Protein backbone atom coordinates (compact mmCIF):
# COMPACT_ATOMS: atom_id res chain seq x y z
CA UNK A 1 54.39 66.13 -2.02
CA UNK A 2 51.50 67.48 -4.05
CA UNK A 3 50.15 63.98 -4.22
CA UNK A 4 49.98 63.69 -0.45
CA UNK A 5 47.26 66.38 0.03
CA UNK A 6 45.31 65.06 -2.98
CA UNK A 7 45.41 61.54 -1.62
CA UNK A 8 44.31 62.80 1.79
CA UNK A 9 41.35 64.65 0.21
CA UNK A 10 40.34 61.49 -1.66
CA UNK A 11 40.53 59.48 1.56
CA UNK A 12 38.45 62.10 3.36
CA UNK A 13 35.85 62.07 0.52
CA UNK A 14 35.72 58.27 0.54
CA UNK A 15 35.34 58.21 4.31
CA UNK A 16 32.64 60.91 4.15
CA UNK A 17 30.75 58.92 1.47
CA UNK A 18 31.03 55.75 3.53
CA UNK A 19 29.79 57.52 6.66
CA UNK A 20 26.91 59.04 4.70
CA UNK A 21 25.88 55.57 3.45
CA UNK A 22 26.12 54.16 6.98
CA UNK A 23 24.02 57.00 8.44
CA UNK A 24 21.41 56.54 5.68
CA UNK A 25 21.24 52.81 6.38
CA UNK A 26 20.87 53.42 10.12
CA UNK A 27 18.12 55.98 9.49
CA UNK A 28 16.32 53.51 7.24
CA UNK A 29 16.62 50.65 9.74
CA UNK A 30 15.42 52.70 12.69
CA UNK A 31 12.56 54.40 10.86
CA UNK A 32 9.21 53.09 12.22
CA UNK A 33 7.65 53.29 8.77
CA UNK A 34 10.45 51.24 7.22
CA UNK A 35 10.34 48.69 10.07
CA UNK A 36 6.58 48.28 9.58
CA UNK A 37 7.05 47.94 5.81
CA UNK A 38 9.74 45.26 6.30
CA UNK A 39 7.51 43.30 8.67
CA UNK A 40 4.54 43.58 6.32
CA UNK A 41 6.67 42.38 3.42
CA UNK A 42 8.01 39.44 5.45
CA UNK A 43 4.51 38.41 6.54
CA UNK A 44 3.11 38.78 3.03
CA UNK A 45 5.92 36.69 1.58
CA UNK A 46 5.42 34.03 4.23
CA UNK A 47 1.66 33.87 3.60
CA UNK A 48 1.93 33.98 -0.17
CA UNK A 49 4.70 31.43 -0.12
CA UNK A 50 2.67 29.07 2.07
CA UNK A 51 -0.41 29.69 -0.07
CA UNK A 52 1.48 28.72 -3.18
CA UNK A 53 2.95 25.62 -1.56
CA UNK A 54 -0.48 24.66 -0.19
CA UNK A 55 -2.01 25.13 -3.61
CA UNK A 56 0.70 22.91 -5.09
CA UNK A 57 0.08 20.24 -2.45
CA UNK A 58 -3.69 20.39 -3.02
CA UNK A 59 -3.16 20.08 -6.75
CA UNK A 60 -0.89 17.06 -6.24
CA UNK A 61 -3.40 15.38 -3.91
CA UNK A 62 -6.24 16.05 -6.35
CA UNK A 63 -4.19 14.52 -9.14
CA UNK A 64 -3.43 11.47 -6.95
CA UNK A 65 -7.14 11.11 -6.12
CA UNK A 66 -8.10 11.37 -9.78
CA UNK A 67 -5.51 8.72 -10.67
CA UNK A 68 -6.85 6.46 -7.93
CA UNK A 69 -10.42 6.88 -9.20
CA UNK A 70 -9.33 6.13 -12.76
CA UNK A 71 -7.49 2.99 -11.71
CA UNK A 72 -10.15 1.80 -9.23
CA UNK A 73 -12.14 -0.37 -11.66
CA UNK A 74 -9.02 -2.23 -12.73
CA UNK A 75 -7.87 -2.64 -9.13
CA UNK A 76 -11.28 -3.91 -8.02
CA UNK A 77 -11.44 -6.36 -10.90
CA UNK A 78 -7.96 -7.64 -10.11
CA UNK A 79 -8.57 -7.99 -6.37
CA UNK A 80 -12.00 -9.60 -6.66
CA UNK A 81 -11.13 -12.02 -9.44
CA UNK A 82 -12.01 -15.45 -8.11
CA UNK A 83 -13.51 -13.97 -4.92
CA UNK A 84 -17.26 -13.40 -5.33
CA UNK A 85 -17.72 -12.47 -1.67
CA UNK A 86 -15.35 -9.52 -2.01
CA UNK A 87 -17.08 -8.46 -5.21
CA UNK A 88 -20.44 -8.58 -3.43
CA UNK A 89 -19.19 -6.54 -0.49
CA UNK A 90 -17.72 -3.90 -2.80
CA UNK A 91 -20.95 -3.75 -4.82
CA UNK A 92 -22.92 -3.35 -1.59
CA UNK A 93 -20.64 -0.49 -0.50
CA UNK A 94 -21.00 1.24 -3.85
CA UNK A 95 -24.78 0.86 -3.59
CA UNK A 96 -24.80 2.35 -0.09
CA UNK A 97 -22.69 5.26 -1.29
CA UNK A 98 -25.06 5.87 -4.20
CA UNK A 99 -28.04 5.69 -1.83
CA UNK A 100 -26.61 8.44 0.36
CA UNK A 101 -26.30 10.71 -2.65
CA UNK A 102 -29.97 10.37 -3.62
CA UNK A 103 -32.60 12.60 -1.97
CA UNK A 104 -35.06 11.07 0.49
CA UNK A 105 -38.46 10.24 -1.04
CA UNK A 106 -41.78 11.00 0.60
CA UNK A 107 -42.45 7.27 1.18
CA UNK A 108 -39.11 6.92 2.98
CA UNK A 109 -39.85 9.98 5.06
CA UNK A 110 -43.26 8.54 6.11
CA UNK A 111 -41.73 5.15 6.92
CA UNK A 112 -39.07 6.84 9.05
CA UNK A 113 -41.73 8.83 10.90
CA UNK A 114 -43.78 5.68 11.61
CA UNK A 115 -40.69 3.87 12.83
CA UNK A 116 -39.89 6.79 15.10
CA UNK A 117 -43.43 6.80 16.52
CA UNK A 118 -43.42 3.06 17.28
CA UNK A 119 -39.86 2.84 18.49
CA UNK A 120 -40.96 3.35 22.12
CA UNK A 121 -42.84 0.03 22.08
CA UNK A 122 -39.92 -1.70 20.49
CA UNK A 123 -37.51 -0.23 23.02
CA UNK A 124 -39.57 -1.57 25.93
CA UNK A 125 -39.69 -5.04 24.39
CA UNK A 126 -35.94 -5.04 23.83
CA UNK A 127 -35.35 -3.97 27.45
CA UNK A 128 -37.57 -6.79 28.73
CA UNK A 129 -35.81 -9.41 26.60
CA UNK A 130 -32.41 -8.07 27.66
CA UNK A 131 -33.41 -8.28 31.34
CA UNK A 132 -34.58 -11.88 30.94
CA UNK A 133 -31.40 -12.77 29.11
CA UNK A 134 -29.31 -11.19 31.87
CA UNK A 135 -31.09 -13.22 34.52
CA UNK A 136 -30.64 -16.45 32.54
CA UNK A 137 -26.96 -15.78 31.90
CA UNK A 138 -26.17 -14.77 35.46
CA UNK A 139 -27.79 -17.99 36.74
CA UNK A 140 -25.81 -20.04 34.23
CA UNK A 141 -22.63 -18.19 35.14
CA UNK A 142 -23.18 -18.86 38.87
CA UNK A 143 -23.77 -22.52 38.14
CA UNK A 144 -20.56 -22.70 36.06
CA UNK A 145 -18.58 -20.99 38.83
CA UNK A 146 -19.95 -23.45 41.38
CA UNK A 147 -18.95 -26.40 39.18
CA UNK A 148 -15.43 -25.04 38.68
CA UNK A 149 -15.10 -24.46 42.42
CA UNK A 150 -16.30 -28.00 43.16
CA UNK A 151 -13.90 -29.50 40.62
CA UNK A 152 -11.02 -27.48 42.08
CA UNK A 153 -11.85 -28.64 45.61
CA UNK A 154 -12.04 -32.25 44.44
CA UNK A 155 -8.62 -31.85 42.77
CA UNK A 156 -7.15 -30.42 46.00
CA UNK A 157 -8.59 -33.33 48.01
CA UNK A 158 -7.23 -35.85 45.53
CA UNK A 159 -3.79 -34.23 45.67
CA UNK A 160 -3.76 -34.25 49.49
CA UNK A 161 -4.79 -37.90 49.70
CA UNK A 162 -2.18 -39.02 47.20
């Protein structure tokens, strides 16, 4: 019998402790400061996690690019072996790339300026030639259409008479 009240007190204490923990958890969850802190932590983890994964991806891509650059001479030699035209095109492309990396010289700047100044004359000449070409082609096209039409009519007449 003595055990019964002691056991009841222990149950009451355990229940009280459990209720206290539950109330503390509820207070923590509903606290605006704690809610803001949880959101901030979640956002920070999301950003930092994506930053780390992006950094890893960038590092991998940089490594892949470096490997490709290292293996490029061998690949070019293998692919162009026995094909001088391909070798020439690749050399031309490399030369164009190198030219874009060099600064413009004063002579090139002057030549560009002169070309720009005289481009109006050149544009007019090109327009005139294009107009003449258009007239010649449209006449030729009309003549070709007339011939096709005539041939088709002759074929229809031949079919009807047969």
